[in-house]
Structure formats: C-alpha cells, structure tokens
Amino acid sequence: MNEHNTTGGAGNILAVLAQEPSTTIQAPVAKAATAIASATGAQVIDSAQTGAGMFTDLMTLTWPNLAAAAACLYSLALLTEFCWKRFWRPFFERLGWIKPKPRLVLTAEEWAAMRPGGDD
C-alpha cells in the first residue's frame, strides 16, 4: 500500500519532511499563472473593498472630512488665482479680449499732470 505511516498525524508529517526535495517543478507555467492570478484577484478584491470603504468614509460628514474638503477648495482657489494672474489674464490682454490693468507706478510727468495746479 502506502509506504508512509497513515495512522498518526505526527508520523505522516515527519515522513513528508524527511523526503528529498525534488529539483524539478511539475507544471511550472500552470503554477506561476495560478499564483499570479490569485495575487491579482486578491488585489482587485482588496482594492474594491478599500475603494468602497474610502468612498463611504469621504461621504460621511465628519469634521476631518469637512476640513479636508475646505482645504481642497481653498487650494483650488489659490491655484486658479495664480494661473489667472500669471498666465490667463496676460494672454487675454494680448489677444485684446480684456482691457489691460492700469499701471500703479506713475512717472513724474504723470504725477504732475494729475495734481491740482499741474504745471505750477
């Protein structure tokens, strides 16, 4: 029949451990594909559970979530203002779509022309 001891669990484990390890892997492609598929499947299931949990956590009104939303809106407002001042407004001024901003620095002649009594 079987050359291993089938009566006791400990004897069976010792017999399996005493066997010489095989140097060849039986069906390596199938084993590798199974390992990759199971790891990928586990990641997909874990990410789906994490994604659903994250969505639920974000939609729950708590103070940390409200603070994160406020910080996000404030950051977007700052980014929009920066892009408007640095890129979009000068571009639209060059195209002639909006009026250029008046200069804040006046020359001495402009200042004299604006004062009452101008050329005195």
Protein backbone atom coordinates (compact mmCIF):
# COMPACT_ATOMS: atom_id res chain seq x y z
CA MET A 1 0.00 0.00 0.00
CA ASN A 2 1.42 3.24 1.16
CA GLU A 3 4.95 3.30 2.50
CA HIS A 4 4.19 6.27 4.81
CA ASN A 5 2.61 5.92 8.21
CA THR A 6 -1.06 6.81 7.79
CA THR A 7 -2.10 6.16 11.36
CA GLY A 8 -0.67 9.22 13.10
CA GLY A 9 -0.56 12.84 12.06
CA ALA A 10 2.89 13.50 13.52
CA GLY A 11 4.41 10.44 11.83
CA ASN A 12 2.94 11.47 8.50
CA ILE A 13 4.37 14.99 8.77
CA LEU A 14 7.81 13.63 9.70
CA ALA A 15 7.74 11.28 6.74
CA VAL A 16 6.88 14.10 4.36
CA LEU A 17 9.62 16.31 5.81
CA ALA A 18 12.17 13.51 5.52
CA GLN A 19 11.61 13.13 1.77
CA GLU A 20 14.24 14.51 -0.54
CA PRO A 21 13.12 17.73 -2.22
CA SER A 22 12.54 17.45 -5.92
CA THR A 23 14.75 19.56 -8.15
CA THR A 24 12.19 19.80 -10.93
CA ILE A 25 8.97 21.72 -10.69
CA GLN A 26 5.95 19.95 -12.08
CA ALA A 27 3.89 22.21 -14.43
CA PRO A 28 5.78 25.48 -13.73
CA VAL A 29 3.71 27.59 -16.14
CA ALA A 30 0.43 26.48 -14.60
CA LYS A 31 1.72 27.09 -11.08
CA ALA A 32 3.08 30.54 -11.98
CA ALA A 33 -0.14 31.51 -13.76
CA THR A 34 -2.20 30.33 -10.79
CA ALA A 35 -0.04 32.30 -8.35
CA ILE A 36 -0.23 35.48 -10.45
CA ALA A 37 -3.98 35.12 -10.97
CA SER A 38 -4.65 34.58 -7.28
CA ALA A 39 -2.46 37.53 -6.29
CA THR A 40 -4.11 39.79 -8.88
CA GLY A 41 -7.57 38.64 -7.84
CA ALA A 42 -6.78 39.30 -4.20
CA GLN A 43 -5.56 42.80 -5.07
CA VAL A 44 -8.68 43.53 -7.11
CA ILE A 45 -10.96 42.36 -4.33
CA ASP A 46 -8.95 44.28 -1.72
CA SER A 47 -8.89 47.48 -3.80
CA ALA A 48 -12.63 47.23 -4.45
CA GLN A 49 -13.30 46.87 -0.75
CA THR A 50 -10.88 49.71 0.03
CA GLY A 51 -12.41 51.91 -2.67
CA ALA A 52 -15.92 51.34 -1.41
CA GLY A 53 -14.78 51.97 2.14
CA MET A 54 -12.93 55.13 1.10
CA PHE A 55 -15.97 56.48 -0.74
CA THR A 56 -18.14 55.77 2.28
CA ASP A 57 -15.59 57.45 4.55
CA LEU A 58 -15.41 60.55 2.35
CA MET A 59 -19.17 60.92 2.10
CA THR A 60 -19.64 60.71 5.86
CA LEU A 61 -19.88 64.22 7.30
CA THR A 62 -17.24 64.41 9.99
CA TRP A 63 -15.00 67.30 10.98
CA PRO A 64 -11.88 65.82 9.37
CA ASN A 65 -13.74 65.29 6.10
CA LEU A 66 -15.14 68.81 6.16
CA ALA A 67 -11.68 70.22 6.90
CA ALA A 68 -10.21 68.22 4.01
CA ALA A 69 -12.93 69.49 1.65
CA ALA A 70 -12.36 73.09 2.78
CA ALA A 71 -8.59 72.71 2.30
CA CYS A 72 -9.17 71.27 -1.18
CA LEU A 73 -11.46 74.15 -2.19
CA TYR A 74 -9.03 76.74 -0.79
CA SER A 75 -6.10 75.14 -2.64
CA LEU A 76 -8.09 75.13 -5.88
CA ALA A 77 -8.97 78.81 -5.38
CA LEU A 78 -5.30 79.70 -4.83
CA LEU A 79 -4.24 77.71 -7.87
CA THR A 80 -6.91 79.34 -10.02
CA GLU A 81 -5.88 82.82 -8.85
CA PHE A 82 -2.22 82.08 -9.59
CA CYS A 83 -2.99 80.81 -13.08
CA TRP A 84 -5.27 83.80 -13.77
CA LYS A 85 -2.65 86.36 -12.73
CA ARG A 86 0.37 84.65 -14.31
CA PHE A 87 -0.98 83.04 -17.49
CA TRP A 88 -4.59 83.62 -18.47
CA ARG A 89 -5.00 87.38 -17.89
CA PRO A 90 -1.82 88.39 -19.75
CA PHE A 91 -2.79 86.05 -22.59
CA PHE A 92 -6.29 87.54 -22.84
CA GLU A 93 -4.87 91.09 -22.62
CA ARG A 94 -2.53 90.36 -25.56
CA LEU A 95 -5.45 89.00 -27.56
CA GLY A 96 -7.45 92.14 -26.76
CA TRP A 97 -10.30 90.24 -25.13
CA ILE A 98 -9.99 92.19 -21.83
CA LYS A 99 -8.67 95.65 -21.00
CA PRO A 100 -5.16 95.79 -19.53
CA LYS A 101 -4.92 96.73 -15.88
CA PRO A 102 -3.85 100.32 -15.27
CA ARG A 103 -0.28 100.76 -14.08
CA LEU A 104 0.20 101.56 -10.42
CA VAL A 105 3.56 103.30 -10.88
CA LEU A 106 3.39 106.83 -12.25
CA THR A 107 6.19 108.81 -13.84
CA ALA A 108 6.97 112.33 -12.57
CA GLU A 109 5.18 113.90 -15.56
CA GLU A 110 2.04 111.78 -14.99
CA TRP A 111 2.03 112.67 -11.30
CA ALA A 112 2.40 116.38 -12.08
CA ALA A 113 -0.46 116.18 -14.60
CA MET A 114 -2.75 114.59 -12.01
CA ARG A 115 -2.10 117.18 -9.25
CA PRO A 116 -4.32 120.20 -8.99
CA GLY A 117 -2.48 123.17 -10.47
CA GLY A 118 -0.49 120.70 -12.61
CA ASP A 119 2.44 122.68 -14.03
CA ASP A 120 2.98 125.17 -11.20
